[in-house]
Amino acid sequence: MAKVTKTIEVTRGSGNVFADLGFENPEEELAKAILVLEIARALAERRTTQARLAEMIGTDQPSISRLLRGRTGGYTIDRLARILTRLGKDVEITVRPTRTKGSAGRVFVSGKAARDAGIGDARLVAKGAVKEPKARYSVKAKRAGWKK
């Protein structure tokens, strides 16, 4: 069969998958995702079961399972931080002036699990902050068997 070249339009992401998917509070969702990654890492390091963690924080194992699968509804950043402290992790909150006087402040959440996953830092930026424009790229993909 003849090879057909098809142009596929690709949009560069913003760096926050939750923003790209249209979530209501994408910065908060990314911060929660990073904290959940850290909880999963702490469970593995301690060889603690979901059932044991549920006992430690006063919930049930299915709730922990949902949390570890990314269902963070009902969990605040504060609650996730408290779970991490129960798992023997320090959670540090630092307040400092912004880099640019008068600019919106940001909240950074980072950790080893997030860096290992290539997520980087979550930045909670105040509403109205300027966002980076999305770049568009065209990629040519060659696939055998595509018909015109």
N, C-alpha and C. Protein backbone atom coordinates (compact mmCIF):
# COMPACT_ATOMS: atom_id res chain seq x y z
N MET A 1 0.83 -1.19 0.00
CA MET A 1 0.00 0.00 0.00
C MET A 1 0.87 1.25 0.00
N ALA A 2 0.35 2.29 -0.59
CA ALA A 2 1.07 3.56 -0.64
C ALA A 2 1.01 4.24 0.72
N LYS A 3 2.10 4.88 1.06
CA LYS A 3 2.13 5.64 2.32
C LYS A 3 1.49 7.00 2.09
N VAL A 4 0.69 7.42 3.05
CA VAL A 4 0.02 8.71 2.97
C VAL A 4 0.53 9.57 4.11
N THR A 5 0.85 10.81 3.81
CA THR A 5 1.29 11.74 4.84
C THR A 5 0.09 12.57 5.27
N LYS A 6 -0.12 12.62 6.58
CA LYS A 6 -1.24 13.40 7.11
C LYS A 6 -0.68 14.40 8.11
N THR A 7 -1.14 15.64 8.03
CA THR A 7 -0.72 16.67 8.96
C THR A 7 -1.65 16.66 10.16
N ILE A 8 -1.04 16.59 11.33
CA ILE A 8 -1.80 16.60 12.58
C ILE A 8 -1.44 17.87 13.33
N GLU A 9 -2.46 18.63 13.75
CA GLU A 9 -2.20 19.85 14.51
C GLU A 9 -2.03 19.49 15.98
N VAL A 10 -0.96 19.97 16.58
CA VAL A 10 -0.66 19.71 17.98
C VAL A 10 -0.60 21.04 18.71
N THR A 11 -1.26 21.12 19.85
CA THR A 11 -1.24 22.34 20.66
C THR A 11 -0.35 22.11 21.87
N ARG A 12 0.59 22.99 22.07
CA ARG A 12 1.49 22.89 23.21
C ARG A 12 0.70 23.15 24.48
N GLY A 13 0.88 22.30 25.49
CA GLY A 13 0.17 22.45 26.75
C GLY A 13 0.70 23.61 27.57
N SER A 14 -0.09 23.99 28.55
CA SER A 14 0.26 25.11 29.42
C SER A 14 1.23 24.72 30.52
N GLY A 15 1.45 23.41 30.71
CA GLY A 15 2.25 22.95 31.83
C GLY A 15 1.37 22.46 32.97
N ASN A 16 0.08 22.70 32.86
CA ASN A 16 -0.88 22.23 33.87
C ASN A 16 -1.99 21.50 33.12
N VAL A 17 -1.98 20.18 33.20
CA VAL A 17 -2.96 19.37 32.48
C VAL A 17 -4.39 19.71 32.90
N PHE A 18 -4.58 20.10 34.16
CA PHE A 18 -5.92 20.44 34.64
C PHE A 18 -6.44 21.72 33.98
N ALA A 19 -5.54 22.67 33.73
CA ALA A 19 -5.93 23.89 33.01
C ALA A 19 -6.26 23.55 31.56
N ASP A 20 -5.44 22.70 30.96
CA ASP A 20 -5.66 22.32 29.57
C ASP A 20 -6.99 21.59 29.38
N LEU A 21 -7.41 20.86 30.41
CA LEU A 21 -8.68 20.11 30.33
C LEU A 21 -9.88 20.92 30.79
N GLY A 22 -9.64 22.17 31.22
CA GLY A 22 -10.75 23.05 31.57
C GLY A 22 -11.31 22.90 32.98
N PHE A 23 -10.51 22.38 33.91
CA PHE A 23 -10.97 22.26 35.30
C PHE A 23 -11.22 23.65 35.88
N GLU A 24 -12.14 23.73 36.83
CA GLU A 24 -12.53 25.02 37.42
C GLU A 24 -11.38 25.67 38.19
N ASN A 25 -10.65 24.92 39.00
CA ASN A 25 -9.52 25.44 39.77
C ASN A 25 -8.28 24.61 39.44
N PRO A 26 -7.71 24.79 38.25
CA PRO A 26 -6.63 23.91 37.81
C PRO A 26 -5.37 23.98 38.67
N GLU A 27 -5.05 25.16 39.20
CA GLU A 27 -3.84 25.28 40.01
C GLU A 27 -3.99 24.47 41.30
N GLU A 28 -5.17 24.54 41.91
CA GLU A 28 -5.42 23.77 43.13
C GLU A 28 -5.41 22.27 42.83
N GLU A 29 -5.98 21.88 41.71
CA GLU A 29 -6.00 20.46 41.34
C GLU A 29 -4.59 19.93 41.13
N LEU A 30 -3.72 20.73 40.51
CA LEU A 30 -2.33 20.30 40.31
C LEU A 30 -1.62 20.18 41.65
N ALA A 31 -1.84 21.12 42.55
CA ALA A 31 -1.22 21.05 43.87
C ALA A 31 -1.68 19.78 44.60
N LYS A 32 -2.97 19.48 44.53
CA LYS A 32 -3.49 18.27 45.17
C LYS A 32 -2.87 17.02 44.55
N ALA A 33 -2.73 17.01 43.22
CA ALA A 33 -2.15 15.86 42.55
C ALA A 33 -0.72 15.61 43.02
N ILE A 34 0.04 16.67 43.19
CA ILE A 34 1.41 16.53 43.68
C ILE A 34 1.41 15.98 45.10
N LEU A 35 0.53 16.49 45.96
CA LEU A 35 0.45 15.99 47.33
C LEU A 35 0.03 14.52 47.36
N VAL A 36 -0.88 14.12 46.49
CA VAL A 36 -1.28 12.71 46.42
C VAL A 36 -0.11 11.84 45.97
N LEU A 37 0.69 12.32 45.02
CA LEU A 37 1.90 11.58 44.62
C LEU A 37 2.83 11.39 45.82
N GLU A 38 2.97 12.42 46.63
CA GLU A 38 3.82 12.31 47.81
C GLU A 38 3.23 11.33 48.83
N ILE A 39 1.91 11.30 48.96
CA ILE A 39 1.27 10.33 49.86
C ILE A 39 1.53 8.92 49.37
N ALA A 40 1.38 8.68 48.08
CA ALA A 40 1.64 7.36 47.51
C ALA A 40 3.09 6.94 47.73
N ARG A 41 4.02 7.88 47.55
CA ARG A 41 5.44 7.58 47.77
C ARG A 41 5.68 7.25 49.25
N ALA A 42 5.08 8.02 50.15
CA ALA A 42 5.27 7.77 51.58
C ALA A 42 4.70 6.41 51.98
N LEU A 43 3.55 6.04 51.43
CA LEU A 43 2.98 4.71 51.71
C LEU A 43 3.94 3.61 51.28
N ALA A 44 4.51 3.75 50.09
CA ALA A 44 5.44 2.75 49.58
C ALA A 44 6.71 2.69 50.43
N GLU A 45 7.25 3.84 50.79
CA GLU A 45 8.46 3.89 51.61
C GLU A 45 8.25 3.21 52.95
N ARG A 46 7.09 3.44 53.56
CA ARG A 46 6.79 2.89 54.89
C ARG A 46 6.21 1.48 54.82
N ARG A 47 5.94 1.03 53.59
CA ARG A 47 5.28 -0.27 53.40
C ARG A 47 3.98 -0.32 54.21
N THR A 48 3.23 0.76 54.12
CA THR A 48 1.96 0.89 54.83
C THR A 48 0.83 0.59 53.85
N THR A 49 -0.18 -0.13 54.31
CA THR A 49 -1.32 -0.45 53.44
C THR A 49 -2.32 0.70 53.43
N GLN A 50 -3.18 0.67 52.44
CA GLN A 50 -4.26 1.66 52.38
C GLN A 50 -5.16 1.52 53.61
N ALA A 51 -5.40 0.28 54.04
CA ALA A 51 -6.26 0.05 55.21
C ALA A 51 -5.64 0.66 56.46
N ARG A 52 -4.33 0.52 56.62
CA ARG A 52 -3.65 1.08 57.79
C ARG A 52 -3.70 2.60 57.75
N LEU A 53 -3.47 3.20 56.58
CA LEU A 53 -3.56 4.65 56.47
C LEU A 53 -4.97 5.12 56.80
N ALA A 54 -5.97 4.39 56.32
CA ALA A 54 -7.36 4.75 56.63
C ALA A 54 -7.60 4.76 58.13
N GLU A 55 -7.08 3.77 58.84
CA GLU A 55 -7.18 3.74 60.31
C GLU A 55 -6.51 4.96 60.93
N MET A 56 -5.32 5.29 60.43
CA MET A 56 -4.53 6.39 60.98
C MET A 56 -5.26 7.73 60.87
N ILE A 57 -6.02 7.92 59.79
CA ILE A 57 -6.65 9.23 59.59
C ILE A 57 -8.16 9.21 59.81
N GLY A 58 -8.69 8.06 60.20
CA GLY A 58 -10.11 7.99 60.55
C GLY A 58 -11.06 7.94 59.37
N THR A 59 -10.70 7.18 58.36
CA THR A 59 -11.59 6.99 57.21
C THR A 59 -11.59 5.52 56.83
N ASP A 60 -12.12 5.18 55.67
CA ASP A 60 -12.13 3.78 55.25
C ASP A 60 -11.19 3.56 54.07
N GLN A 61 -10.82 2.30 53.84
CA GLN A 61 -9.87 1.96 52.79
C GLN A 61 -10.36 2.36 51.40
N PRO A 62 -11.65 2.18 51.06
CA PRO A 62 -12.08 2.62 49.73
C PRO A 62 -11.86 4.12 49.48
N SER A 63 -11.98 4.93 50.53
CA SER A 63 -11.71 6.37 50.38
C SER A 63 -10.25 6.62 50.04
N ILE A 64 -9.36 5.87 50.67
CA ILE A 64 -7.92 6.00 50.38
C ILE A 64 -7.64 5.54 48.95
N SER A 65 -8.27 4.45 48.54
CA SER A 65 -8.10 3.95 47.18
C SER A 65 -8.53 5.00 46.16
N ARG A 66 -9.68 5.62 46.39
CA ARG A 66 -10.16 6.67 45.47
C ARG A 66 -9.17 7.84 45.44
N LEU A 67 -8.67 8.23 46.62
CA LEU A 67 -7.71 9.33 46.69
C LEU A 67 -6.47 9.01 45.86
N LEU A 68 -5.93 7.80 46.02
CA LEU A 68 -4.71 7.43 45.32
C LEU A 68 -4.93 7.25 43.82
N ARG A 69 -6.18 7.18 43.39
CA ARG A 69 -6.51 7.14 41.97
C ARG A 69 -6.88 8.52 41.44
N GLY A 70 -6.61 9.56 42.25
CA GLY A 70 -6.80 10.93 41.78
C GLY A 70 -8.14 11.55 42.07
N ARG A 71 -8.98 10.88 42.81
CA ARG A 71 -10.30 11.43 43.17
C ARG A 71 -10.12 12.28 44.43
N THR A 72 -9.78 13.55 44.25
CA THR A 72 -9.44 14.41 45.39
C THR A 72 -10.60 15.23 45.91
N GLY A 73 -11.79 15.04 45.35
CA GLY A 73 -12.97 15.75 45.85
C GLY A 73 -13.16 15.44 47.33
N GLY A 74 -13.44 16.45 48.12
CA GLY A 74 -13.60 16.25 49.56
C GLY A 74 -12.29 16.35 50.33
N TYR A 75 -11.18 16.50 49.62
CA TYR A 75 -9.88 16.66 50.27
C TYR A 75 -9.37 18.07 49.97
N THR A 76 -9.04 18.79 51.02
CA THR A 76 -8.42 20.10 50.85
C THR A 76 -6.91 19.92 50.83
N ILE A 77 -6.20 20.95 50.42
CA ILE A 77 -4.74 20.90 50.47
C ILE A 77 -4.29 20.71 51.91
N ASP A 78 -4.98 21.35 52.85
CA ASP A 78 -4.65 21.21 54.27
C ASP A 78 -4.80 19.76 54.73
N ARG A 79 -5.89 19.13 54.34
CA ARG A 79 -6.12 17.74 54.76
C ARG A 79 -5.06 16.81 54.17
N LEU A 80 -4.69 17.02 52.92
CA LEU A 80 -3.64 16.21 52.31
C LEU A 80 -2.30 16.42 53.01
N ALA A 81 -2.02 17.66 53.41
CA ALA A 81 -0.79 17.95 54.15
C ALA A 81 -0.79 17.23 55.49
N ARG A 82 -1.95 17.20 56.17
CA ARG A 82 -2.03 16.50 57.45
C ARG A 82 -1.84 15.00 57.28
N ILE A 83 -2.32 14.44 56.19
CA ILE A 83 -2.09 13.01 55.93
C ILE A 83 -0.60 12.75 55.78
N LEU A 84 0.09 13.64 55.06
CA LEU A 84 1.54 13.49 54.90
C LEU A 84 2.26 13.55 56.24
N THR A 85 1.83 14.42 57.14
CA THR A 85 2.49 14.49 58.45
C THR A 85 2.24 13.22 59.24
N ARG A 86 1.07 12.61 59.09
CA ARG A 86 0.79 11.33 59.75
C ARG A 86 1.68 10.22 59.21
N LEU A 87 2.12 10.38 57.97
CA LEU A 87 3.01 9.40 57.34
C LEU A 87 4.48 9.73 57.57
N GLY A 88 4.75 10.66 58.47
CA GLY A 88 6.13 10.98 58.83
C GLY A 88 6.83 11.94 57.90
N LYS A 89 6.08 12.72 57.17
CA LYS A 89 6.68 13.71 56.27
C LYS A 89 6.48 15.10 56.82
N ASP A 90 7.48 15.95 56.65
CA ASP A 90 7.34 17.36 56.99
C ASP A 90 6.70 18.07 55.80
N VAL A 91 5.80 18.96 56.09
CA VAL A 91 5.19 19.80 55.06
C VAL A 91 5.54 21.23 55.45
N GLU A 92 6.25 21.91 54.58
CA GLU A 92 6.74 23.25 54.88
C GLU A 92 5.97 24.30 54.10
N ILE A 93 5.53 25.32 54.80
CA ILE A 93 4.85 26.45 54.17
C ILE A 93 5.72 27.68 54.42
N THR A 94 6.12 28.34 53.36
CA THR A 94 6.98 29.51 53.46
C THR A 94 6.26 30.71 52.85
N VAL A 95 6.26 31.81 53.56
CA VAL A 95 5.66 33.05 53.04
C VAL A 95 6.79 34.03 52.78
N ARG A 96 6.79 34.62 51.58
CA ARG A 96 7.84 35.59 51.22
C ARG A 96 7.26 36.61 50.26
N PRO A 97 7.91 37.74 50.10
CA PRO A 97 7.42 38.76 49.16
C PRO A 97 7.46 38.23 47.73
N THR A 98 6.60 38.79 46.89
CA THR A 98 6.63 38.40 45.48
C THR A 98 7.88 38.97 44.83
N ARG A 99 8.25 38.40 43.70
CA ARG A 99 9.44 38.88 42.99
C ARG A 99 9.23 40.28 42.44
N THR A 100 8.02 40.56 41.98
CA THR A 100 7.70 41.85 41.41
C THR A 100 6.69 42.55 42.29
N LYS A 101 7.03 43.75 42.73
CA LYS A 101 6.14 44.50 43.62
C LYS A 101 4.77 44.69 42.96
N GLY A 102 3.73 44.40 43.72
CA GLY A 102 2.37 44.57 43.23
C GLY A 102 1.83 43.42 42.40
N SER A 103 2.65 42.40 42.16
CA SER A 103 2.17 41.27 41.35
C SER A 103 1.41 40.28 42.23
N ALA A 104 0.63 39.42 41.59
CA ALA A 104 -0.13 38.40 42.31
C ALA A 104 0.84 37.39 42.93
N GLY A 105 0.54 36.98 44.14
CA GLY A 105 1.36 35.97 44.80
C GLY A 105 1.08 34.58 44.23
N ARG A 106 1.97 33.65 44.52
CA ARG A 106 1.82 32.28 44.04
C ARG A 106 2.04 31.32 45.21
N VAL A 107 1.49 30.13 45.07
CA VAL A 107 1.71 29.06 46.04
C VAL A 107 2.44 27.96 45.30
N PHE A 108 3.57 27.51 45.83
CA PHE A 108 4.36 26.46 45.21
C PHE A 108 4.20 25.18 46.02
N VAL A 109 4.00 24.08 45.34
CA VAL A 109 3.99 22.76 45.97
C VAL A 109 5.00 21.94 45.19
N SER A 110 5.97 21.40 45.88
CA SER A 110 6.96 20.57 45.19
C SER A 110 7.35 19.42 46.09
N GLY A 111 7.91 18.41 45.50
CA GLY A 111 8.36 17.25 46.26
C GLY A 111 9.06 16.29 45.32
N LYS A 112 9.73 15.32 45.90
CA LYS A 112 10.50 14.37 45.12
C LYS A 112 9.62 13.58 44.15
N ALA A 113 8.46 13.14 44.60
CA ALA A 113 7.57 12.36 43.73
C ALA A 113 7.16 13.17 42.51
N ALA A 114 6.87 14.44 42.70
CA ALA A 114 6.47 15.30 41.59
C ALA A 114 7.63 15.49 40.62
N ARG A 115 8.81 15.74 41.15
CA ARG A 115 9.97 15.93 40.27
C ARG A 115 10.26 14.65 39.49
N ASP A 116 10.17 13.49 40.17
CA ASP A 116 10.42 12.21 39.50
C ASP A 116 9.41 11.96 38.39
N ALA A 117 8.18 12.43 38.59
CA ALA A 117 7.13 12.24 37.59
C ALA A 117 7.20 13.29 36.49
N GLY A 118 8.10 14.27 36.63
CA GLY A 118 8.26 15.31 35.62
C GLY A 118 7.20 16.38 35.68
N ILE A 119 6.53 16.49 36.84
CA ILE A 119 5.47 17.49 36.97
C ILE A 119 6.04 18.85 37.31
N GLY A 120 7.11 18.90 38.08
CA GLY A 120 7.66 20.18 38.50
C GLY A 120 6.87 20.74 39.65
N ASP A 121 6.81 22.03 39.75
CA ASP A 121 6.10 22.70 40.84
C ASP A 121 4.71 23.09 40.40
N ALA A 122 3.77 22.99 41.32
CA ALA A 122 2.43 23.51 41.06
C ALA A 122 2.44 24.95 41.52
N ARG A 123 1.91 25.82 40.71
CA ARG A 123 1.86 27.23 41.08
C ARG A 123 0.41 27.66 41.15
N LEU A 124 -0.02 28.03 42.33
CA LEU A 124 -1.37 28.55 42.49
C LEU A 124 -1.29 30.04 42.26
N VAL A 125 -1.77 30.49 41.13
CA VAL A 125 -1.66 31.89 40.75
C VAL A 125 -3.02 32.55 40.94
N ALA A 126 -3.00 33.75 41.51
CA ALA A 126 -4.24 34.48 41.75
C ALA A 126 -4.99 34.71 40.45
N LYS A 127 -6.31 34.76 40.53
CA LYS A 127 -7.15 35.00 39.35
C LYS A 127 -6.73 36.30 38.68
N GLY A 128 -6.75 36.31 37.38
CA GLY A 128 -6.43 37.51 36.63
C GLY A 128 -4.97 37.60 36.23
N ALA A 129 -4.16 36.63 36.66
CA ALA A 129 -2.75 36.66 36.29
C ALA A 129 -2.62 36.38 34.80
N VAL A 130 -1.57 36.88 34.21
CA VAL A 130 -1.35 36.69 32.78
C VAL A 130 -0.90 35.25 32.56
N LYS A 131 -1.51 34.59 31.59
CA LYS A 131 -1.13 33.22 31.27
C LYS A 131 -0.34 33.20 29.98
N GLU A 132 0.56 32.25 29.88
CA GLU A 132 1.37 32.09 28.68
C GLU A 132 0.48 31.69 27.51
N PRO A 133 0.63 32.33 26.36
CA PRO A 133 -0.20 31.95 25.22
C PRO A 133 0.17 30.55 24.74
N LYS A 134 -0.81 29.84 24.20
CA LYS A 134 -0.56 28.50 23.70
C LYS A 134 0.08 28.59 22.32
N ALA A 135 1.13 27.83 22.13
CA ALA A 135 1.80 27.79 20.84
C ALA A 135 1.21 26.65 20.02
N ARG A 136 1.20 26.79 18.73
CA ARG A 136 0.67 25.74 17.86
C ARG A 136 1.79 25.22 16.97
N TYR A 137 1.82 23.92 16.84
CA TYR A 137 2.82 23.28 16.01
C TYR A 137 2.10 22.32 15.06
N SER A 138 2.67 22.12 13.90
CA SER A 138 2.16 21.09 12.99
C SER A 138 3.18 19.97 12.95
N VAL A 139 2.67 18.78 13.02
CA VAL A 139 3.53 17.61 12.98
C VAL A 139 3.07 16.74 11.83
N LYS A 140 3.99 16.31 11.02
CA LYS A 140 3.62 15.40 9.93
C LYS A 140 3.84 13.98 10.42
N ALA A 141 2.78 13.20 10.31
CA ALA A 141 2.86 11.81 10.72
C ALA A 141 2.67 10.93 9.50
N LYS A 142 3.55 9.99 9.31
CA LYS A 142 3.43 9.06 8.20
C LYS A 142 2.93 7.74 8.76
N ARG A 143 1.83 7.28 8.23
CA ARG A 143 1.27 6.00 8.67
C ARG A 143 0.95 5.17 7.43
N ALA A 144 1.45 3.97 7.40
CA ALA A 144 1.11 3.07 6.29
C ALA A 144 -0.33 2.64 6.45
N GLY A 145 -1.03 2.55 5.36
CA GLY A 145 -2.39 2.07 5.40
C GLY A 145 -3.45 3.16 5.49
N TRP A 146 -3.06 4.40 5.70
CA TRP A 146 -4.06 5.48 5.72
C TRP A 146 -4.54 5.71 4.30
N LYS A 147 -5.82 5.88 4.15
CA LYS A 147 -6.37 6.14 2.83
C LYS A 147 -6.71 7.61 2.69
N LYS A 148 -6.62 8.10 1.47
CA LYS A 148 -6.95 9.51 1.20
C LYS A 148 -8.43 9.72 1.30
